[in-house]
PDB file of N, CA and C in Angstrom:
ATOM      1  N   MET A   1      19.412   7.690 -13.611  1.00  0.00           N
ATOM      2  CA  MET A   1      18.082   7.552 -13.060  1.00  0.00           C
ATOM      3  C   MET A   1      18.138   7.940 -11.585  1.00  0.00           C
ATOM      4  N   THR A   2      17.212   8.776 -11.164  1.00  0.00           N
ATOM      5  CA  THR A   2      17.188   9.203  -9.771  1.00  0.00           C
ATOM      6  C   THR A   2      16.615   8.113  -8.893  1.00  0.00           C
ATOM      7  N   LYS A   3      16.837   8.269  -7.594  1.00  0.00           N
ATOM      8  CA  LYS A   3      16.336   7.283  -6.639  1.00  0.00           C
ATOM      9  C   LYS A   3      14.819   7.192  -6.707  1.00  0.00           C
ATOM     10  N   GLU A   4      14.156   8.338  -6.843  1.00  0.00           N
ATOM     11  CA  GLU A   4      12.687   8.359  -6.867  1.00  0.00           C
ATOM     12  C   GLU A   4      12.152   7.553  -8.046  1.00  0.00           C
ATOM     13  N   LYS A   5      12.765   7.718  -9.218  1.00  0.00           N
ATOM     14  CA  LYS A   5      12.297   6.993 -10.394  1.00  0.00           C
ATOM     15  C   LYS A   5      12.512   5.500 -10.247  1.00  0.00           C
ATOM     16  N   SER A   6      13.630   5.084  -9.681  1.00  0.00           N
ATOM     17  CA  SER A   6      13.883   3.656  -9.538  1.00  0.00           C
ATOM     18  C   SER A   6      12.904   3.016  -8.558  1.00  0.00           C
ATOM     19  N   GLU A   7      12.536   3.741  -7.490  1.00  0.00           N
ATOM     20  CA  GLU A   7      11.556   3.216  -6.546  1.00  0.00           C
ATOM     21  C   GLU A   7      10.195   3.064  -7.216  1.00  0.00           C
ATOM     22  N   THR A   8       9.825   4.024  -8.047  1.00  0.00           N
ATOM     23  CA  THR A   8       8.546   3.965  -8.730  1.00  0.00           C
ATOM     24  C   THR A   8       8.500   2.759  -9.663  1.00  0.00           C
ATOM     25  N   LYS A   9       9.601   2.491 -10.343  1.00  0.00           N
ATOM     26  CA  LYS A   9       9.662   1.350 -11.243  1.00  0.00           C
ATOM     27  C   LYS A   9       9.444   0.047 -10.471  1.00  0.00           C
ATOM     28  N   THR A  10      10.084  -0.089  -9.331  1.00  0.00           N
ATOM     29  CA  THR A  10       9.926  -1.277  -8.493  1.00  0.00           C
ATOM     30  C   THR A  10       8.486  -1.385  -8.004  1.00  0.00           C
ATOM     31  N   GLU A  11       7.923  -0.259  -7.579  1.00  0.00           N
ATOM     32  CA  GLU A  11       6.532  -0.234  -7.109  1.00  0.00           C
ATOM     33  C   GLU A  11       5.609  -0.816  -8.162  1.00  0.00           C
ATOM     34  N   THR A  12       5.751  -0.358  -9.400  1.00  0.00           N
ATOM     35  CA  THR A  12       4.852  -0.761 -10.469  1.00  0.00           C
ATOM     36  C   THR A  12       4.973  -2.244 -10.769  1.00  0.00           C
ATOM     37  N   SER A  13       6.187  -2.758 -10.895  1.00  0.00           N
ATOM     38  CA  SER A  13       6.343  -4.164 -11.253  1.00  0.00           C
ATOM     39  C   SER A  13       5.848  -5.078 -10.138  1.00  0.00           C
ATOM     40  N   GLU A  14       6.103  -4.742  -8.883  1.00  0.00           N
ATOM     41  CA  GLU A  14       5.636  -5.580  -7.788  1.00  0.00           C
ATOM     42  C   GLU A  14       4.118  -5.505  -7.653  1.00  0.00           C
ATOM     43  N   ALA A  15       3.536  -4.346  -7.875  1.00  0.00           N
ATOM     44  CA  ALA A  15       2.090  -4.199  -7.748  1.00  0.00           C
ATOM     45  C   ALA A  15       1.381  -5.068  -8.780  1.00  0.00           C
ATOM     46  N   GLN A  16       1.946  -5.188  -9.984  1.00  0.00           N
ATOM     47  CA  GLN A  16       1.319  -6.008 -11.012  1.00  0.00           C
ATOM     48  C   GLN A  16       1.433  -7.484 -10.677  1.00  0.00           C
ATOM     49  N   ASP A  17       2.567  -7.919 -10.140  1.00  0.00           N
ATOM     50  CA  ASP A  17       2.785  -9.332  -9.873  1.00  0.00           C
ATOM     51  C   ASP A  17       2.052  -9.813  -8.626  1.00  0.00           C
ATOM     52  N   ASP A  18       2.138  -9.073  -7.549  1.00  0.00           N
ATOM     53  CA  ASP A  18       1.653  -9.547  -6.262  1.00  0.00           C
ATOM     54  C   ASP A  18       0.426  -8.799  -5.753  1.00  0.00           C
ATOM     55  N   HIS A  19      -0.111  -7.879  -6.510  1.00  0.00           N
ATOM     56  CA  HIS A  19      -1.232  -7.057  -6.082  1.00  0.00           C
ATOM     57  C   HIS A  19      -0.903  -6.330  -4.781  1.00  0.00           C
ATOM     58  N   VAL A  20       0.259  -5.681  -4.765  1.00  0.00           N
ATOM     59  CA  VAL A  20       0.732  -4.928  -3.607  1.00  0.00           C
ATOM     60  C   VAL A  20       0.816  -3.457  -4.000  1.00  0.00           C
ATOM     61  N   VAL A  21       0.337  -2.586  -3.107  1.00  0.00           N
ATOM     62  CA  VAL A  21       0.424  -1.144  -3.314  1.00  0.00           C
ATOM     63  C   VAL A  21       1.282  -0.574  -2.203  1.00  0.00           C
ATOM     64  N   PHE A  22       2.388   0.083  -2.577  1.00  0.00           N
ATOM     65  CA  PHE A  22       3.274   0.725  -1.608  1.00  0.00           C
ATOM     66  C   PHE A  22       2.906   2.199  -1.522  1.00  0.00           C
ATOM     67  N   VAL A  23       2.518   2.662  -0.349  1.00  0.00           N
ATOM     68  CA  VAL A  23       2.052   4.035  -0.164  1.00  0.00           C
ATOM     69  C   VAL A  23       3.244   4.958   0.033  1.00  0.00           C
ATOM     70  N   GLY A  24       3.199   6.091  -0.673  1.00  0.00           N
ATOM     71  CA  GLY A  24       4.268   7.088  -0.594  1.00  0.00           C
ATOM     72  C   GLY A  24       3.720   8.490  -0.778  1.00  0.00           C
ATOM     73  N   ASP A  25       4.446   9.305  -1.537  1.00  0.00           N
ATOM     74  CA  ASP A  25       4.136  10.729  -1.702  1.00  0.00           C
ATOM     75  C   ASP A  25       3.105  11.054  -2.784  1.00  0.00           C
ATOM     76  N   LYS A  26       2.706  10.081  -3.566  1.00  0.00           N
ATOM     77  CA  LYS A  26       1.760  10.361  -4.655  1.00  0.00           C
ATOM     78  C   LYS A  26       0.412  10.804  -4.086  1.00  0.00           C
ATOM     79  N   PRO A  27      -0.418  11.439  -4.913  1.00  0.00           N
ATOM     80  CA  PRO A  27      -1.747  11.861  -4.437  1.00  0.00           C
ATOM     81  C   PRO A  27      -2.594  10.680  -3.963  1.00  0.00           C
ATOM     82  N   PHE A  28      -3.372  10.935  -2.944  1.00  0.00           N
ATOM     83  CA  PHE A  28      -4.207   9.932  -2.275  1.00  0.00           C
ATOM     84  C   PHE A  28      -5.039   9.108  -3.248  1.00  0.00           C
ATOM     85  N   MET A  29      -5.736   9.773  -4.159  1.00  0.00           N
ATOM     86  CA  MET A  29      -6.656   9.060  -5.053  1.00  0.00           C
ATOM     87  C   MET A  29      -5.932   8.153  -6.046  1.00  0.00           C
ATOM     88  N   ASN A  30      -4.667   8.410  -6.314  1.00  0.00           N
ATOM     89  CA  ASN A  30      -3.894   7.499  -7.177  1.00  0.00           C
ATOM     90  C   ASN A  30      -3.842   6.103  -6.557  1.00  0.00           C
ATOM     91  N   TYR A  31      -3.639   6.039  -5.253  1.00  0.00           N
ATOM     92  CA  TYR A  31      -3.560   4.761  -4.555  1.00  0.00           C
ATOM     93  C   TYR A  31      -4.931   4.087  -4.478  1.00  0.00           C
ATOM     94  N   VAL A  32      -5.968   4.866  -4.196  1.00  0.00           N
ATOM     95  CA  VAL A  32      -7.327   4.313  -4.146  1.00  0.00           C
ATOM     96  C   VAL A  32      -7.677   3.722  -5.510  1.00  0.00           C
ATOM     97  N   THR A  33      -7.399   4.455  -6.563  1.00  0.00           N
ATOM     98  CA  THR A  33      -7.669   3.979  -7.918  1.00  0.00           C
ATOM     99  C   THR A  33      -6.896   2.700  -8.208  1.00  0.00           C
ATOM    100  N   GLY A  34      -5.644   2.645  -7.775  1.00  0.00           N
ATOM    101  CA  GLY A  34      -4.835   1.449  -7.980  1.00  0.00           C
ATOM    102  C   GLY A  34      -5.427   0.224  -7.315  1.00  0.00           C
ATOM    103  N   VAL A  35      -5.890   0.388  -6.084  1.00  0.00           N
ATOM    104  CA  VAL A  35      -6.499  -0.729  -5.357  1.00  0.00           C
ATOM    105  C   VAL A  35      -7.796  -1.159  -6.038  1.00  0.00           C
ATOM    106  N   VAL A  36      -8.635  -0.212  -6.378  1.00  0.00           N
ATOM    107  CA  VAL A  36      -9.917  -0.521  -7.026  1.00  0.00           C
ATOM    108  C   VAL A  36      -9.681  -1.219  -8.363  1.00  0.00           C
ATOM    109  N   MET A  37      -8.715  -0.752  -9.122  1.00  0.00           N
ATOM    110  CA  MET A  37      -8.406  -1.354 -10.430  1.00  0.00           C
ATOM    111  C   MET A  37      -7.939  -2.799 -10.288  1.00  0.00           C
ATOM    112  N   GLN A  38      -7.211  -3.099  -9.217  1.00  0.00           N
ATOM    113  CA  GLN A  38      -6.762  -4.475  -9.022  1.00  0.00           C
ATOM    114  C   GLN A  38      -7.942  -5.429  -8.887  1.00  0.00           C
ATOM    115  N   PHE A  39      -8.973  -4.996  -8.197  1.00  0.00           N
ATOM    116  CA  PHE A  39     -10.137  -5.858  -8.013  1.00  0.00           C
ATOM    117  C   PHE A  39     -11.047  -5.862  -9.236  1.00  0.00           C
ATOM    118  N   THR A  40     -11.187  -4.746  -9.926  1.00  0.00           N
ATOM    119  CA  THR A  40     -12.147  -4.666 -11.031  1.00  0.00           C
ATOM    120  C   THR A  40     -11.578  -5.127 -12.366  1.00  0.00           C
ATOM    121  N   THR A  41     -10.392  -4.650 -12.735  1.00  0.00           N
ATOM    122  CA  THR A  41      -9.863  -4.988 -14.059  1.00  0.00           C
ATOM    123  C   THR A  41      -8.858  -6.133 -14.043  1.00  0.00           C
ATOM    124  N   GLN A  42      -8.181  -6.346 -12.911  1.00  0.00           N
ATOM    125  CA  GLN A  42      -7.180  -7.414 -12.846  1.00  0.00           C
ATOM    126  C   GLN A  42      -7.724  -8.662 -12.152  1.00  0.00           C
ATOM    127  N   SER A  43      -8.957  -8.633 -11.724  1.00  0.00           N
ATOM    128  CA  SER A  43      -9.621  -9.768 -11.058  1.00  0.00           C
ATOM    129  C   SER A  43      -8.824 -10.322  -9.882  1.00  0.00           C
ATOM    130  N   ALA A  44      -8.223  -9.447  -9.121  1.00  0.00           N
ATOM    131  CA  ALA A  44      -7.466  -9.872  -7.941  1.00  0.00           C
ATOM    132  C   ALA A  44      -8.428 -10.357  -6.865  1.00  0.00           C
ATOM    133  N   LYS A  45      -8.037 -11.390  -6.154  1.00  0.00           N
ATOM    134  CA  LYS A  45      -8.833 -11.872  -5.026  1.00  0.00           C
ATOM    135  C   LYS A  45      -8.422 -11.163  -3.748  1.00  0.00           C
ATOM    136  N   GLU A  46      -7.152 -10.703  -3.725  1.00  0.00           N
ATOM    137  CA  GLU A  46      -6.615  -9.959  -2.587  1.00  0.00           C
ATOM    138  C   GLU A  46      -5.715  -8.848  -3.087  1.00  0.00           C
ATOM    139  N   SER A  47      -5.607  -7.809  -2.277  1.00  0.00           N
ATOM    140  CA  SER A  47      -4.682  -6.712  -2.540  1.00  0.00           C
ATOM    141  C   SER A  47      -4.091  -6.281  -1.199  1.00  0.00           C
ATOM    142  N   VAL A  48      -2.807  -6.019  -1.179  1.00  0.00           N
ATOM    143  CA  VAL A  48      -2.135  -5.628   0.056  1.00  0.00           C
ATOM    144  C   VAL A  48      -1.659  -4.181  -0.070  1.00  0.00           C
ATOM    145  N   ILE A  49      -2.024  -3.371   0.915  1.00  0.00           N
ATOM    146  CA  ILE A  49      -1.572  -1.989   0.984  1.00  0.00           C
ATOM    147  C   ILE A  49      -0.473  -1.933   2.034  1.00  0.00           C
ATOM    148  N   LYS A  50       0.728  -1.515   1.635  1.00  0.00           N
ATOM    149  CA  LYS A  50       1.865  -1.463   2.557  1.00  0.00           C
ATOM    150  C   LYS A  50       2.327  -0.023   2.727  1.00  0.00           C
ATOM    151  N   ALA A  51       2.660   0.318   3.975  1.00  0.00           N
ATOM    152  CA  ALA A  51       3.173   1.663   4.252  1.00  0.00           C
ATOM    153  C   ALA A  51       4.072   1.604   5.471  1.00  0.00           C
ATOM    154  N   ARG A  52       4.889   2.641   5.619  1.00  0.00           N
ATOM    155  CA  ARG A  52       5.701   2.752   6.819  1.00  0.00           C
ATOM    156  C   ARG A  52       5.832   4.209   7.224  1.00  0.00           C
ATOM    157  N   GLY A  53       6.097   4.399   8.506  1.00  0.00           N
ATOM    158  CA  GLY A  53       6.307   5.743   9.033  1.00  0.00           C
ATOM    159  C   GLY A  53       5.101   6.645   8.877  1.00  0.00           C
ATOM    160  N   LYS A  54       5.366   7.847   8.363  1.00  0.00           N
ATOM    161  CA  LYS A  54       4.320   8.868   8.264  1.00  0.00           C
ATOM    162  C   LYS A  54       3.211   8.535   7.265  1.00  0.00           C
ATOM    163  N   PHE A  55       3.404   7.498   6.454  1.00  0.00           N
ATOM    164  CA  PHE A  55       2.400   7.136   5.455  1.00  0.00           C
ATOM    165  C   PHE A  55       1.384   6.112   5.957  1.00  0.00           C
ATOM    166  N   ILE A  56       1.521   5.670   7.206  1.00  0.00           N
ATOM    167  CA  ILE A  56       0.603   4.671   7.758  1.00  0.00           C
ATOM    168  C   ILE A  56      -0.830   5.191   7.787  1.00  0.00           C
ATOM    169  N   SER A  57      -1.037   6.407   8.233  1.00  0.00           N
ATOM    170  CA  SER A  57      -2.407   6.941   8.299  1.00  0.00           C
ATOM    171  C   SER A  57      -3.003   7.074   6.900  1.00  0.00           C
ATOM    172  N   LYS A  58      -2.182   7.389   5.921  1.00  0.00           N
ATOM    173  CA  LYS A  58      -2.645   7.488   4.541  1.00  0.00           C
ATOM    174  C   LYS A  58      -3.081   6.105   4.038  1.00  0.00           C
ATOM    175  N   ALA A  59      -2.342   5.065   4.409  1.00  0.00           N
ATOM    176  CA  ALA A  59      -2.689   3.706   4.003  1.00  0.00           C
ATOM    177  C   ALA A  59      -4.036   3.279   4.587  1.00  0.00           C
ATOM    178  N   VAL A  60      -4.267   3.626   5.844  1.00  0.00           N
ATOM    179  CA  VAL A  60      -5.546   3.302   6.486  1.00  0.00           C
ATOM    180  C   VAL A  60      -6.684   4.021   5.761  1.00  0.00           C
ATOM    181  N   ASP A  61      -6.492   5.281   5.436  1.00  0.00           N
ATOM    182  CA  ASP A  61      -7.518   6.045   4.706  1.00  0.00           C
ATOM    183  C   ASP A  61      -7.782   5.440   3.326  1.00  0.00           C
ATOM    184  N   ILE A  62      -6.733   5.004   2.650  1.00  0.00           N
ATOM    185  CA  ILE A  62      -6.883   4.379   1.329  1.00  0.00           C
ATOM    186  C   ILE A  62      -7.739   3.119   1.441  1.00  0.00           C
ATOM    187  N   ALA A  63      -7.455   2.283   2.431  1.00  0.00           N
ATOM    188  CA  ALA A  63      -8.226   1.053   2.630  1.00  0.00           C
ATOM    189  C   ALA A  63      -9.687   1.370   2.931  1.00  0.00           C
ATOM    190  N   GLU A  64      -9.925   2.355   3.766  1.00  0.00           N
ATOM    191  CA  GLU A  64     -11.299   2.721   4.142  1.00  0.00           C
ATOM    192  C   GLU A  64     -12.081   3.249   2.941  1.00  0.00           C
ATOM    193  N   VAL A  65     -11.489   4.142   2.169  1.00  0.00           N
ATOM    194  CA  VAL A  65     -12.186   4.715   1.005  1.00  0.00           C
ATOM    195  C   VAL A  65     -12.434   3.640  -0.048  1.00  0.00           C
ATOM    196  N   ALA A  66     -11.446   2.787  -0.289  1.00  0.00           N
ATOM    197  CA  ALA A  66     -11.614   1.729  -1.293  1.00  0.00           C
ATOM    198  C   ALA A  66     -12.724   0.762  -0.899  1.00  0.00           C
ATOM    199  N   THR A  67     -12.766   0.361   0.380  1.00  0.00           N
ATOM    200  CA  THR A  67     -13.752  -0.645   0.797  1.00  0.00           C
ATOM    201  C   THR A  67     -15.131  -0.066   1.068  1.00  0.00           C
ATOM    202  N   LYS A  68     -15.219   1.169   1.516  1.00  0.00           N
ATOM    203  CA  LYS A  68     -16.519   1.724   1.913  1.00  0.00           C
ATOM    204  C   LYS A  68     -17.172   2.631   0.876  1.00  0.00           C
ATOM    205  N   ARG A  69     -16.406   3.128  -0.070  1.00  0.00           N
ATOM    206  CA  ARG A  69     -17.004   3.991  -1.100  1.00  0.00           C
ATOM    207  C   ARG A  69     -17.039   3.326  -2.460  1.00  0.00           C
ATOM    208  N   PHE A  70     -15.908   2.762  -2.880  1.00  0.00           N
ATOM    209  CA  PHE A  70     -15.807   2.254  -4.250  1.00  0.00           C
ATOM    210  C   PHE A  70     -16.144   0.770  -4.374  1.00  0.00           C
ATOM    211  N   LEU A  71     -15.826  -0.022  -3.382  1.00  0.00           N
ATOM    212  CA  LEU A  71     -16.049  -1.468  -3.459  1.00  0.00           C
ATOM    213  C   LEU A  71     -16.945  -1.953  -2.327  1.00  0.00           C
ATOM    214  N   GLU A  72     -17.877  -1.123  -1.922  1.00  0.00           N
ATOM    215  CA  GLU A  72     -18.761  -1.448  -0.802  1.00  0.00           C
ATOM    216  C   GLU A  72     -19.544  -2.722  -1.089  1.00  0.00           C
ATOM    217  N   GLY A  73     -19.513  -3.636  -0.144  1.00  0.00           N
ATOM    218  CA  GLY A  73     -20.221  -4.894  -0.295  1.00  0.00           C
ATOM    219  C   GLY A  73     -19.463  -5.943  -1.085  1.00  0.00           C
ATOM    220  N   GLU A  74     -18.356  -5.574  -1.716  1.00  0.00           N
ATOM    221  CA  GLU A  74     -17.587  -6.508  -2.533  1.00  0.00           C
ATOM    222  C   GLU A  74     -16.279  -6.917  -1.867  1.00  0.00           C
ATOM    223  N   VAL A  75     -15.661  -5.965  -1.154  1.00  0.00           N
ATOM    224  CA  VAL A  75     -14.332  -6.174  -0.578  1.00  0.00           C
ATOM    225  C   VAL A  75     -14.341  -5.749   0.880  1.00  0.00           C
ATOM    226  N   ASN A  76     -13.615  -6.494   1.711  1.00  0.00           N
ATOM    227  CA  ASN A  76     -13.465  -6.079   3.107  1.00  0.00           C
ATOM    228  C   ASN A  76     -12.004  -6.224   3.533  1.00  0.00           C
ATOM    229  N   ILE A  77     -11.687  -5.707   4.702  1.00  0.00           N
ATOM    230  CA  ILE A  77     -10.335  -5.799   5.228  1.00  0.00           C
ATOM    231  C   ILE A  77     -10.183  -7.170   5.870  1.00  0.00           C
ATOM    232  N   LYS A  78      -9.297  -7.978   5.319  1.00  0.00           N
ATOM    233  CA  LYS A  78      -9.105  -9.356   5.768  1.00  0.00           C
ATOM    234  C   LYS A  78      -8.113  -9.435   6.927  1.00  0.00           C
ATOM    235  N   ASN A  79      -7.031  -8.655   6.848  1.00  0.00           N
ATOM    236  CA  ASN A  79      -5.985  -8.748   7.855  1.00  0.00           C
ATOM    237  C   ASN A  79      -5.239  -7.427   7.976  1.00  0.00           C
ATOM    238  N   ILE A  80      -4.807  -7.123   9.194  1.00  0.00           N
ATOM    239  CA  ILE A  80      -3.974  -5.957   9.453  1.00  0.00           C
ATOM    240  C   ILE A  80      -2.736  -6.446  10.190  1.00  0.00           C
ATOM    241  N   SER A  81      -1.583  -6.160   9.638  1.00  0.00           N
ATOM    242  CA  SER A  81      -0.330  -6.601  10.235  1.00  0.00           C
ATOM    243  C   SER A  81       0.559  -5.389  10.499  1.00  0.00           C
ATOM    244  N   ILE A  82       1.028  -5.250  11.745  1.00  0.00           N
ATOM    245  CA  ILE A  82       1.921  -4.148  12.080  1.00  0.00           C
ATOM    246  C   ILE A  82       3.274  -4.706  12.504  1.00  0.00           C
ATOM    247  N   ASN A  83       4.304  -3.908  12.287  1.00  0.00           N
ATOM    248  CA  ASN A  83       5.658  -4.329  12.601  1.00  0.00           C
ATOM    249  C   ASN A  83       6.530  -3.090  12.673  1.00  0.00           C
ATOM    250  N   SER A  84       7.822  -3.285  12.836  1.00  0.00           N
ATOM    251  CA  SER A  84       8.770  -2.184  12.754  1.00  0.00           C
ATOM    252  C   SER A  84      10.049  -2.690  12.117  1.00  0.00           C
ATOM    253  N   GLU A  85      10.751  -1.785  11.456  1.00  0.00           N
ATOM    254  CA  GLU A  85      12.014  -2.114  10.808  1.00  0.00           C
ATOM    255  C   GLU A  85      13.094  -1.216  11.381  1.00  0.00           C
ATOM    256  N   GLU A  86      14.285  -1.764  11.507  1.00  0.00           N
ATOM    257  CA  GLU A  86      15.407  -0.974  11.993  1.00  0.00           C
ATOM    258  C   GLU A  86      16.465  -0.914  10.900  1.00  0.00           C
ATOM    259  N   PHE A  87      16.987   0.277  10.663  1.00  0.00           N
ATOM    260  CA  PHE A  87      18.033   0.461   9.667  1.00  0.00           C
ATOM    261  C   PHE A  87      18.878   1.667  10.048  1.00  0.00           C
ATOM    262  N   GLN A  88      19.946   1.898   9.292  1.00  0.00           N
ATOM    263  CA  GLN A  88      20.803   3.061   9.552  1.00  0.00           C
ATOM    264  C   GLN A  88      20.465   4.154   8.552  1.00  0.00           C
ATOM    265  N   ASN A  89      20.310   5.382   9.077  1.00  0.00           N
ATOM    266  CA  ASN A  89      20.035   6.504   8.188  1.00  0.00           C
ATOM    267  C   ASN A  89      21.328   6.983   7.537  1.00  0.00           C
ATOM    268  N   LYS A  90      21.250   8.089   6.800  1.00  0.00           N
ATOM    269  CA  LYS A  90      22.404   8.607   6.062  1.00  0.00           C
ATOM    270  C   LYS A  90      23.567   8.988   6.971  1.00  0.00           C
ATOM    271  N   GLU A  91      23.259   9.385   8.210  1.00  0.00           N
ATOM    272  CA  GLU A  91      24.305   9.772   9.161  1.00  0.00           C
ATOM    273  C   GLU A  91      24.870   8.573   9.919  1.00  0.00           C
ATOM    274  N   GLY A  92      24.375   7.368   9.646  1.00  0.00           N
ATOM    275  CA  GLY A  92      24.852   6.170  10.308  1.00  0.00           C
ATOM    276  C   GLY A  92      24.165   5.888  11.634  1.00  0.00           C
ATOM    277  N   LYS A  93      23.123   6.630  11.935  1.00  0.00           N
ATOM    278  CA  LYS A  93      22.384   6.454  13.188  1.00  0.00           C
ATOM    279  C   LYS A  93      21.312   5.378  13.009  1.00  0.00           C
ATOM    280  N   ASP A  94      21.157   4.496  14.010  1.00  0.00           N
ATOM    281  CA  ASP A  94      20.114   3.477  13.961  1.00  0.00           C
ATOM    282  C   ASP A  94      18.743   4.120  14.112  1.00  0.00           C
ATOM    283  N   VAL A  95      17.839   3.753  13.210  1.00  0.00           N
ATOM    284  CA  VAL A  95      16.488   4.313  13.204  1.00  0.00           C
ATOM    285  C   VAL A  95      15.493   3.160  13.148  1.00  0.00           C
ATOM    286  N   ARG A  96      14.418   3.262  13.905  1.00  0.00           N
ATOM    287  CA  ARG A  96      13.342   2.272  13.869  1.00  0.00           C
ATOM    288  C   ARG A  96      12.098   2.965  13.310  1.00  0.00           C
ATOM    289  N   VAL A  97      11.466   2.323  12.328  1.00  0.00           N
ATOM    290  CA  VAL A  97      10.269   2.889  11.712  1.00  0.00           C
ATOM    291  C   VAL A  97       9.156   1.836  11.736  1.00  0.00           C
ATOM    292  N   SER A  98       7.942   2.284  12.050  1.00  0.00           N
ATOM    293  CA  SER A  98       6.784   1.392  12.095  1.00  0.00           C
ATOM    294  C   SER A  98       6.298   1.079  10.686  1.00  0.00           C
ATOM    295  N   THR A  99       5.719  -0.123  10.514  1.00  0.00           N
ATOM    296  CA  THR A  99       5.177  -0.525   9.228  1.00  0.00           C
ATOM    297  C   THR A  99       3.777  -1.099   9.426  1.00  0.00           C
ATOM    298  N   ILE A 100       2.998  -1.083   8.339  1.00  0.00           N
ATOM    299  CA  ILE A 100       1.672  -1.683   8.360  1.00  0.00           C
ATOM    300  C   ILE A 100       1.395  -2.333   7.020  1.00  0.00           C
ATOM    301  N   GLU A 101       0.685  -3.447   7.061  1.00  0.00           N
ATOM    302  CA  GLU A 101       0.194  -4.117   5.854  1.00  0.00           C
ATOM    303  C   GLU A 101      -1.296  -4.362   6.043  1.00  0.00           C
ATOM    304  N   LEU A 102      -2.088  -3.841   5.144  1.00  0.00           N
ATOM    305  CA  LEU A 102      -3.542  -4.026   5.174  1.00  0.00           C
ATOM    306  C   LEU A 102      -3.919  -4.925   4.012  1.00  0.00           C
ATOM    307  N   THR A 103      -4.458  -6.082   4.308  1.00  0.00           N
ATOM    308  CA  THR A 103      -4.866  -7.020   3.263  1.00  0.00           C
ATOM    309  C   THR A 103      -6.357  -6.886   3.012  1.00  0.00           C
ATOM    310  N   LEU A 104      -6.711  -6.541   1.788  1.00  0.00           N
ATOM    311  CA  LEU A 104      -8.110  -6.440   1.378  1.00  0.00           C
ATOM    312  C   LEU A 104      -8.445  -7.694   0.573  1.00  0.00           C
ATOM    313  N   ALA A 105      -9.631  -8.241   0.760  1.00  0.00           N
ATOM    314  CA  ALA A 105     -10.022  -9.453   0.042  1.00  0.00           C
ATOM    315  C   ALA A 105     -11.482  -9.371  -0.389  1.00  0.00           C
ATOM    316  N   LYS A 106     -11.779 -10.034  -1.503  1.00  0.00           N
ATOM    317  CA  LYS A 106     -13.160 -10.118  -1.961  1.00  0.00           C
ATOM    318  C   LYS A 106     -13.965 -10.947  -0.982  1.00  0.00           C
ATOM    319  N   LYS A 107     -15.216 -10.576  -0.816  1.00  0.00           N
ATOM    320  CA  LYS A 107     -16.117 -11.317   0.093  1.00  0.00           C
ATOM    321  C   LYS A 107     -16.543 -12.624  -0.536  1.00  0.00           C
TER     322      LYS A 107
END
Protein backbone atom coordinates (compact mmCIF):
# COMPACT_ATOMS: atom_id res chain seq x y z
CA MET A 1 0.00 0.00 0.00
CA THR A 2 1.40 3.39 -0.95
CA LYS A 3 1.70 6.27 1.46
CA GLU A 4 -1.06 8.18 -0.34
CA LYS A 5 -3.55 5.32 0.02
CA SER A 6 -2.82 4.84 3.72
CA GLU A 7 -3.36 8.56 4.39
CA THR A 8 -6.67 8.46 2.55
CA LYS A 9 -7.80 5.50 4.65
CA THR A 10 -6.99 7.39 7.86
CA GLU A 11 -8.75 10.49 6.53
CA THR A 12 -11.95 8.56 5.88
CA SER A 13 -12.14 6.76 9.22
CA GLU A 14 -11.41 9.89 11.27
CA ALA A 15 -13.87 12.00 9.26
CA GLN A 16 -16.66 9.52 10.03
CA ASP A 17 -15.89 9.35 13.76
CA ASP A 18 -15.08 12.95 14.61
CA HIS A 19 -16.59 14.92 11.71
CA VAL A 20 -13.13 16.11 10.68
CA VAL A 21 -12.11 16.90 7.10
CA PHE A 22 -8.38 16.94 6.30
CA VAL A 23 -7.67 19.14 3.27
CA GLY A 24 -5.17 17.87 0.71
CA ASP A 25 -4.74 17.37 -3.05
CA LYS A 26 -8.26 16.17 -3.88
CA PRO A 27 -10.56 18.42 -5.96
CA PHE A 28 -12.06 21.37 -4.09
CA MET A 29 -15.70 20.31 -4.42
CA ASN A 30 -14.97 16.88 -2.90
CA TYR A 31 -14.21 18.61 0.40
CA VAL A 32 -17.20 20.97 0.17
CA THR A 33 -19.46 17.98 -0.49
CA GLY A 34 -17.94 16.13 2.46
CA VAL A 35 -18.64 19.01 4.83
CA VAL A 36 -22.19 19.51 3.55
CA MET A 37 -22.90 15.77 3.82
CA GLN A 38 -21.79 15.74 7.45
CA PHE A 39 -24.45 18.28 8.33
CA THR A 40 -27.24 16.99 6.07
CA THR A 41 -26.98 13.19 6.10
CA GLN A 42 -24.92 12.50 9.23
CA SER A 43 -26.71 15.09 11.41
CA ALA A 44 -23.44 16.50 12.70
CA LYS A 45 -23.69 19.47 15.03
CA GLU A 46 -20.10 20.48 14.24
CA SER A 47 -17.53 19.78 11.56
CA VAL A 48 -13.84 20.66 11.66
CA ILE A 49 -11.84 21.48 8.54
CA LYS A 50 -8.10 20.97 9.11
CA ALA A 51 -5.26 21.97 6.81
CA ARG A 52 -1.60 22.83 6.90
CA GLY A 53 0.89 24.64 4.72
CA LYS A 54 -0.18 25.39 1.17
CA PHE A 55 -3.66 23.93 1.75
CA ILE A 56 -4.71 26.58 4.29
CA SER A 57 -6.21 28.90 1.67
CA LYS A 58 -8.12 25.95 0.19
CA ALA A 59 -9.55 25.16 3.64
CA VAL A 60 -10.76 28.74 4.06
CA ASP A 61 -12.43 28.61 0.63
CA ILE A 62 -14.09 25.29 1.52
CA ALA A 63 -15.53 26.78 4.73
CA GLU A 64 -16.78 29.87 2.90
CA VAL A 65 -18.47 27.94 0.07
CA ALA A 66 -20.04 25.43 2.46
CA THR A 67 -21.45 28.10 4.80
CA LYS A 68 -22.44 30.77 2.26
CA ARG A 69 -23.66 28.75 -0.71
CA PHE A 70 -24.77 25.30 0.41
CA LEU A 71 -25.68 25.73 4.09
CA GLU A 72 -26.56 29.42 4.17
CA GLY A 73 -28.52 30.30 7.28
CA GLU A 74 -27.98 26.85 8.79
CA VAL A 75 -24.25 26.73 9.60
CA ASN A 76 -21.68 29.34 10.57
CA ILE A 77 -17.99 29.42 11.44
CA LYS A 78 -17.78 28.85 15.20
CA ASN A 79 -14.02 28.95 15.75
CA ILE A 80 -10.75 29.45 13.88
CA SER A 81 -7.59 28.05 15.41
CA ILE A 82 -4.11 28.60 13.97
CA ASN A 83 -0.86 26.98 15.02
CA SER A 84 2.39 25.62 13.64
CA GLU A 85 4.08 22.23 13.75
CA GLU A 86 7.77 21.48 13.63
CA PHE A 87 9.18 18.25 12.22
CA GLN A 88 12.15 16.90 10.28
CA ASN A 89 11.87 16.52 6.53
CA LYS A 90 13.37 13.66 4.49
CA GLU A 91 16.81 15.32 4.51
CA GLY A 92 16.75 15.62 8.32
CA LYS A 93 16.26 19.39 8.25
CA ASP A 94 13.91 20.99 10.81
CA VAL A 95 10.83 22.42 9.11
CA ARG A 96 7.99 24.49 10.59
CA VAL A 97 4.60 24.43 8.87
CA SER A 98 1.51 26.50 9.69
CA THR A 99 -1.80 24.80 10.49
CA ILE A 100 -5.43 25.88 10.68
CA GLU A 101 -8.61 24.36 12.09
CA LEU A 102 -11.96 25.84 11.10
CA THR A 103 -14.88 24.68 13.22
CA LEU A 104 -18.29 24.94 11.56
CA ALA A 105 -21.41 24.58 13.72
CA LYS A 106 -25.16 24.56 13.24
CA LYS A 107 -26.90 27.76 14.29
